[in-house]
C-alpha atoms as a PDB file:
ATOM      1  CA  UNK A   1      85.597 121.299 108.003  1.00  0.00           C
ATOM      2  CA  UNK A   2      89.028 122.888 108.403  1.00  0.00           C
ATOM      3  CA  UNK A   3      90.978 124.279 105.490  1.00  0.00           C
ATOM      4  CA  UNK A   4      93.885 122.213 104.193  1.00  0.00           C
ATOM      5  CA  UNK A   5      97.444 123.477 103.868  1.00  0.00           C
ATOM      6  CA  UNK A   6     100.074 122.568 101.268  1.00  0.00           C
ATOM      7  CA  UNK A   7     102.890 121.080 103.345  1.00  0.00           C
ATOM      8  CA  UNK A   8     106.309 119.483 103.080  1.00  0.00           C
ATOM      9  CA  UNK A   9     109.220 118.435 105.299  1.00  0.00           C
ATOM     10  CA  UNK A  10     112.605 119.910 104.397  1.00  0.00           C
ATOM     11  CA  UNK A  11     116.075 120.893 105.530  1.00  0.00           C
ATOM     12  CA  UNK A  12     116.784 124.605 105.751  1.00  0.00           C
ATOM     13  CA  UNK A  13     120.369 125.645 104.991  1.00  0.00           C
ATOM     14  CA  UNK A  14     121.839 128.146 107.460  1.00  0.00           C
ATOM     15  CA  UNK A  15     121.234 131.798 106.503  1.00  0.00           C
ATOM     16  CA  UNK A  16     124.954 132.412 105.883  1.00  0.00           C
ATOM     17  CA  UNK A  17     125.073 129.536 103.380  1.00  0.00           C
ATOM     18  CA  UNK A  18     121.836 130.714 101.750  1.00  0.00           C
ATOM     19  CA  UNK A  19     123.472 134.100 101.120  1.00  0.00           C
ATOM     20  CA  UNK A  20     126.648 132.454  99.748  1.00  0.00           C
ATOM     21  CA  UNK A  21     124.579 130.272  97.385  1.00  0.00           C
ATOM     22  CA  UNK A  22     122.594 133.300  96.151  1.00  0.00           C
ATOM     23  CA  UNK A  23     125.841 135.191  95.475  1.00  0.00           C
ATOM     24  CA  UNK A  24     127.341 132.165  93.665  1.00  0.00           C
ATOM     25  CA  UNK A  25     124.165 131.762  91.588  1.00  0.00           C
ATOM     26  CA  UNK A  26     124.268 135.456  90.559  1.00  0.00           C
ATOM     27  CA  UNK A  27     127.920 135.096  89.504  1.00  0.00           C
ATOM     28  CA  UNK A  28     127.434 131.882  87.489  1.00  0.00           C
ATOM     29  CA  UNK A  29     124.016 132.117  85.821  1.00  0.00           C
ATOM     30  CA  UNK A  30     122.732 134.691  83.362  1.00  0.00           C
ATOM     31  CA  UNK A  31     119.776 136.789  84.553  1.00  0.00           C
ATOM     32  CA  UNK A  32     117.573 135.268  81.830  1.00  0.00           C
ATOM     33  CA  UNK A  33     118.477 131.666  82.733  1.00  0.00           C
ATOM     34  CA  UNK A  34     115.287 131.232  84.768  1.00  0.00           C
ATOM     35  CA  UNK A  35     113.348 132.589  87.721  1.00  0.00           C
ATOM     36  CA  UNK A  36     115.629 132.647  90.795  1.00  0.00           C
ATOM     37  CA  UNK A  37     114.325 131.091  93.991  1.00  0.00           C
ATOM     38  CA  UNK A  38     114.391 133.636  96.844  1.00  0.00           C
ATOM     39  CA  UNK A  39     117.067 133.093  99.507  1.00  0.00           C
ATOM     40  CA  UNK A  40     114.417 132.557 102.198  1.00  0.00           C
ATOM     41  CA  UNK A  41     112.838 129.802 100.064  1.00  0.00           C
ATOM     42  CA  UNK A  42     116.006 127.738  99.590  1.00  0.00           C
ATOM     43  CA  UNK A  43     115.422 124.290 101.078  1.00  0.00           C
ATOM     44  CA  UNK A  44     116.067 120.605 100.466  1.00  0.00           C
ATOM     45  CA  UNK A  45     112.731 118.753 100.387  1.00  0.00           C
ATOM     46  CA  UNK A  46     112.651 115.498 102.347  1.00  0.00           C
ATOM     47  CA  UNK A  47     108.982 114.591 101.822  1.00  0.00           C
ATOM     48  CA  UNK A  48     106.230 116.434  99.978  1.00  0.00           C
ATOM     49  CA  UNK A  49     102.866 116.019 101.712  1.00  0.00           C
ATOM     50  CA  UNK A  50     100.518 117.947  99.427  1.00  0.00           C
ATOM     51  CA  UNK A  51      97.248 119.427 100.668  1.00  0.00           C
ATOM     52  CA  UNK A  52      96.808 118.267 104.248  1.00  0.00           C
ATOM     53  CA  UNK A  53      93.993 118.780 106.751  1.00  0.00           C
ATOM     54  CA  UNK A  54      94.725 120.160 110.218  1.00  0.00           C
ATOM     55  CA  UNK A  55      94.128 116.705 111.764  1.00  0.00           C
ATOM     56  CA  UNK A  56      96.492 114.999 109.342  1.00  0.00           C
ATOM     57  CA  UNK A  57      99.076 117.765 109.855  1.00  0.00           C
ATOM     58  CA  UNK A  58      98.940 117.155 113.603  1.00  0.00           C
ATOM     59  CA  UNK A  59      99.303 113.381 113.146  1.00  0.00           C
ATOM     60  CA  UNK A  60     102.234 113.755 110.740  1.00  0.00           C
ATOM     61  CA  UNK A  61     103.959 116.236 113.054  1.00  0.00           C
ATOM     62  CA  UNK A  62     103.536 113.828 115.955  1.00  0.00           C
ATOM     63  CA  UNK A  63     105.115 111.002 113.924  1.00  0.00           C
ATOM     64  CA  UNK A  64     107.969 113.284 112.812  1.00  0.00           C
ATOM     65  CA  UNK A  65     108.608 114.256 116.426  1.00  0.00           C
ATOM     66  CA  UNK A  66     109.178 110.600 117.301  1.00  0.00           C
ATOM     67  CA  UNK A  67     112.034 110.174 114.831  1.00  0.00           C
ATOM     68  CA  UNK A  68     115.217 109.422 116.715  1.00  0.00           C
ATOM     69  CA  UNK A  69     118.104 109.906 114.372  1.00  0.00           C
ATOM     70  CA  UNK A  70     121.481 111.548 114.741  1.00  0.00           C
ATOM     71  CA  UNK A  71     122.266 114.711 112.850  1.00  0.00           C
ATOM     72  CA  UNK A  72     124.625 114.566 109.895  1.00  0.00           C
ATOM     73  CA  UNK A  73     126.843 116.726 107.726  1.00  0.00           C
ATOM     74  CA  UNK A  74     125.588 117.780 104.308  1.00  0.00           C
ATOM     75  CA  UNK A  75     127.988 118.692 101.497  1.00  0.00           C
ATOM     76  CA  UNK A  76     126.524 120.674  98.626  1.00  0.00           C
ATOM     77  CA  UNK A  77     128.985 119.981  95.827  1.00  0.00           C
ATOM     78  CA  UNK A  78     126.928 119.080  92.750  1.00  0.00           C
ATOM     79  CA  UNK A  79     124.610 120.949  90.400  1.00  0.00           C
ATOM     80  CA  UNK A  80     122.521 120.163  87.378  1.00  0.00           C
ATOM     81  CA  UNK A  81     119.433 120.926  85.356  1.00  0.00           C
ATOM     82  CA  UNK A  82     116.265 118.951  84.772  1.00  0.00           C
ATOM     83  CA  UNK A  83     115.012 120.124  81.405  1.00  0.00           C
ATOM     84  CA  UNK A  84     111.634 118.444  81.802  1.00  0.00           C
ATOM     85  CA  UNK A  85     110.978 120.088  85.189  1.00  0.00           C
ATOM     86  CA  UNK A  86     112.635 123.283  83.977  1.00  0.00           C
ATOM     87  CA  UNK A  87     114.763 123.704  87.104  1.00  0.00           C
ATOM     88  CA  UNK A  88     118.437 124.178  87.937  1.00  0.00           C
ATOM     89  CA  UNK A  89     119.421 122.534  91.210  1.00  0.00           C
ATOM     90  CA  UNK A  90     122.226 122.266  93.737  1.00  0.00           C
ATOM     91  CA  UNK A  91     122.815 118.914  95.391  1.00  0.00           C
ATOM     92  CA  UNK A  92     125.281 116.452  96.815  1.00  0.00           C
ATOM     93  CA  UNK A  93     127.478 113.954  94.993  1.00  0.00           C
ATOM     94  CA  UNK A  94     127.449 111.572  97.958  1.00  0.00           C
ATOM     95  CA  UNK A  95     124.233 111.890 100.007  1.00  0.00           C
ATOM     96  CA  UNK A  96     124.981 111.021 103.643  1.00  0.00           C
ATOM     97  CA  UNK A  97     123.228 107.925 104.974  1.00  0.00           C
ATOM     98  CA  UNK A  98     121.486 110.046 107.626  1.00  0.00           C
ATOM     99  CA  UNK A  99     119.879 112.211 104.938  1.00  0.00           C
ATOM    100  CA  UNK A 100     118.625 109.191 102.988  1.00  0.00           C
ATOM    101  CA  UNK A 101     117.304 107.517 106.168  1.00  0.00           C
ATOM    102  CA  UNK A 102     115.483 110.668 107.285  1.00  0.00           C
ATOM    103  CA  UNK A 103     113.872 111.191 103.869  1.00  0.00           C
ATOM    104  CA  UNK A 104     112.865 107.522 103.658  1.00  0.00           C
ATOM    105  CA  UNK A 105     111.286 107.611 107.132  1.00  0.00           C
ATOM    106  CA  UNK A 106     109.334 110.792 106.417  1.00  0.00           C
ATOM    107  CA  UNK A 107     108.218 109.604 102.978  1.00  0.00           C
ATOM    108  CA  UNK A 108     107.083 106.240 104.401  1.00  0.00           C
ATOM    109  CA  UNK A 109     105.142 107.925 107.220  1.00  0.00           C
ATOM    110  CA  UNK A 110     103.542 110.299 104.708  1.00  0.00           C
ATOM    111  CA  UNK A 111     102.547 107.426 102.397  1.00  0.00           C
ATOM    112  CA  UNK A 112     101.026 105.444 105.289  1.00  0.00           C
ATOM    113  CA  UNK A 113      99.068 108.578 106.220  1.00  0.00           C
ATOM    114  CA  UNK A 114      97.608 108.833 102.725  1.00  0.00           C
ATOM    115  CA  UNK A 115      99.936 111.476 101.260  1.00  0.00           C
ATOM    116  CA  UNK A 116     100.915 110.571  97.712  1.00  0.00           C
ATOM    117  CA  UNK A 117     104.650 109.980  97.323  1.00  0.00           C
ATOM    118  CA  UNK A 118     106.321 110.120  93.933  1.00  0.00           C
ATOM    119  CA  UNK A 119     107.619 106.771  92.691  1.00  0.00           C
ATOM    120  CA  UNK A 120     110.762 108.582  91.518  1.00  0.00           C
ATOM    121  CA  UNK A 121     113.851 107.873  93.631  1.00  0.00           C
ATOM    122  CA  UNK A 122     114.745 110.525  96.187  1.00  0.00           C
ATOM    123  CA  UNK A 123     117.248 112.962  94.665  1.00  0.00           C
ATOM    124  CA  UNK A 124     118.293 115.427  97.370  1.00  0.00           C
ATOM    125  CA  UNK A 125     118.534 118.905  95.888  1.00  0.00           C
ATOM    126  CA  UNK A 126     117.919 122.607  96.434  1.00  0.00           C
ATOM    127  CA  UNK A 127     116.134 124.320  93.553  1.00  0.00           C
ATOM    128  CA  UNK A 128     118.067 127.416  92.447  1.00  0.00           C
ATOM    129  CA  UNK A 129     116.165 128.456  89.308  1.00  0.00           C
ATOM    130  CA  UNK A 130     112.664 127.675  88.061  1.00  0.00           C
ATOM    131  CA  UNK A 131     111.095 128.059  84.621  1.00  0.00           C
ATOM    132  CA  UNK A 132     114.332 127.597  82.706  1.00  0.00           C
ATOM    133  CA  UNK A 133     113.369 127.779  79.046  1.00  0.00           C
ATOM    134  CA  UNK A 134     116.568 126.280  77.639  1.00  0.00           C
ATOM    135  CA  UNK A 135     119.668 124.369  78.696  1.00  0.00           C
ATOM    136  CA  UNK A 136     122.006 126.449  80.843  1.00  0.00           C
ATOM    137  CA  UNK A 137     125.717 126.037  81.471  1.00  0.00           C
ATOM    138  CA  UNK A 138     126.329 124.420  84.848  1.00  0.00           C
ATOM    139  CA  UNK A 139     129.423 125.750  86.656  1.00  0.00           C
ATOM    140  CA  UNK A 140     132.356 123.324  86.697  1.00  0.00           C
ATOM    141  CA  UNK A 141     133.036 121.302  89.863  1.00  0.00           C
ATOM    142  CA  UNK A 142     134.859 123.135  92.616  1.00  0.00           C
ATOM    143  CA  UNK A 143     131.976 124.830  94.432  1.00  0.00           C
ATOM    144  CA  UNK A 144     131.261 123.446  97.883  1.00  0.00           C
ATOM    145  CA  UNK A 145     129.198 124.280 100.963  1.00  0.00           C
ATOM    146  CA  UNK A 146     129.126 122.132 104.085  1.00  0.00           C
ATOM    147  CA  UNK A 147     126.857 122.392 107.104  1.00  0.00           C
ATOM    148  CA  UNK A 148     125.651 120.282 110.006  1.00  0.00           C
ATOM    149  CA  UNK A 149     122.021 119.240 109.838  1.00  0.00           C
ATOM    150  CA  UNK A 150     120.625 119.233 113.363  1.00  0.00           C
ATOM    151  CA  UNK A 151     116.933 119.668 112.564  1.00  0.00           C
ATOM    152  CA  UNK A 152     114.309 119.434 109.855  1.00  0.00           C
ATOM    153  CA  UNK A 153     111.299 121.652 109.289  1.00  0.00           C
ATOM    154  CA  UNK A 154     107.618 121.281 108.440  1.00  0.00           C
ATOM    155  CA  UNK A 155     106.841 124.017 105.897  1.00  0.00           C
ATOM    156  CA  UNK A 156     103.671 125.431 104.443  1.00  0.00           C
ATOM    157  CA  UNK A 157     103.727 126.555 100.821  1.00  0.00           C
ATOM    158  CA  UNK A 158     101.622 129.690 100.361  1.00  0.00           C
ATOM    159  CA  UNK A 159     100.956 131.201  96.939  1.00  0.00           C
ATOM    160  CA  UNK A 160      99.835 134.825  96.883  1.00  0.00           C
ATOM    161  CA  UNK A 161     100.384 137.862  94.659  1.00  0.00           C
ATOM    162  CA  UNK A 162     102.071 135.709  92.029  1.00  0.00           C
ATOM    163  CA  UNK A 163     104.743 134.455  94.444  1.00  0.00           C
ATOM    164  CA  UNK A 164     105.243 131.339  96.508  1.00  0.00           C
ATOM    165  CA  UNK A 165     106.471 131.692 100.077  1.00  0.00           C
ATOM    166  CA  UNK A 166     107.557 128.813 102.293  1.00  0.00           C
ATOM    167  CA  UNK A 167     106.646 129.373 105.922  1.00  0.00           C
ATOM    168  CA  UNK A 168     108.231 127.222 108.645  1.00  0.00           C
ATOM    169  CA  UNK A 169     105.476 125.819 110.875  1.00  0.00           C
ATOM    170  CA  UNK A 170     107.377 123.464 113.145  1.00  0.00           C
ATOM    171  CA  UNK A 171     111.001 122.391 113.726  1.00  0.00           C
ATOM    172  CA  UNK A 172     112.129 118.900 114.720  1.00  0.00           C
ATOM    173  CA  UNK A 173     115.517 118.343 116.341  1.00  0.00           C
ATOM    174  CA  UNK A 174     117.744 115.471 115.330  1.00  0.00           C
ATOM    175  CA  UNK A 175     119.729 113.852 118.108  1.00  0.00           C
ATOM    176  CA  UNK A 176     123.344 114.845 118.597  1.00  0.00           C
ATOM    177  CA  UNK A 177     125.888 113.065 116.454  1.00  0.00           C
ATOM    178  CA  UNK A 178     127.797 110.390 118.329  1.00  0.00           C
ATOM    179  CA  UNK A 179     131.299 111.553 119.147  1.00  0.00           C
ATOM    180  CA  UNK A 180     134.218 109.527 117.880  1.00  0.00           C
ATOM    181  CA  UNK A 181     136.896 109.215 120.495  1.00  0.00           C
ATOM    182  CA  UNK A 182     140.512 109.972 119.634  1.00  0.00           C
ATOM    183  CA  UNK A 183     141.622 107.634 122.402  1.00  0.00           C
ATOM    184  CA  UNK A 184     143.186 104.309 121.449  1.00  0.00           C
END
């Protein structure tokens, strides 16, 4: 029997934006606020799959590859803290419809394939800090990053030497956004 992998589908922010977010986080949060997530691990989870066999991984990847959906623009302009989960996050005040549709499709496919899906509503976010021990001050509104989402990624979560690393296994392109004509 093959070994299972801990997998999830996510959106990867562009490297330039990852660096800007890391710099912003360093400027706005105290070093003892929590454990910072490494720049290379910044992602917005669409669907968590859990421990998945190689056969199930292949089936889920095949289903994901059939998704025909246009890309969309993501605005990261919100932040908060979940005390219970002990994380500080970066998110979007107005999730684009394309993001919600993509997450719903992937979560539904995962559930039909036997991957447990949380009953909690989807709250698109990028985890910035983990293991926060107390409430932290969230920077006031005014921060903002925008990027085009043209693909999503199947990641493996690997824990070794006391650290978690997210390794991209496969990328799935979204279709091009329809162009809006300026002609009348």
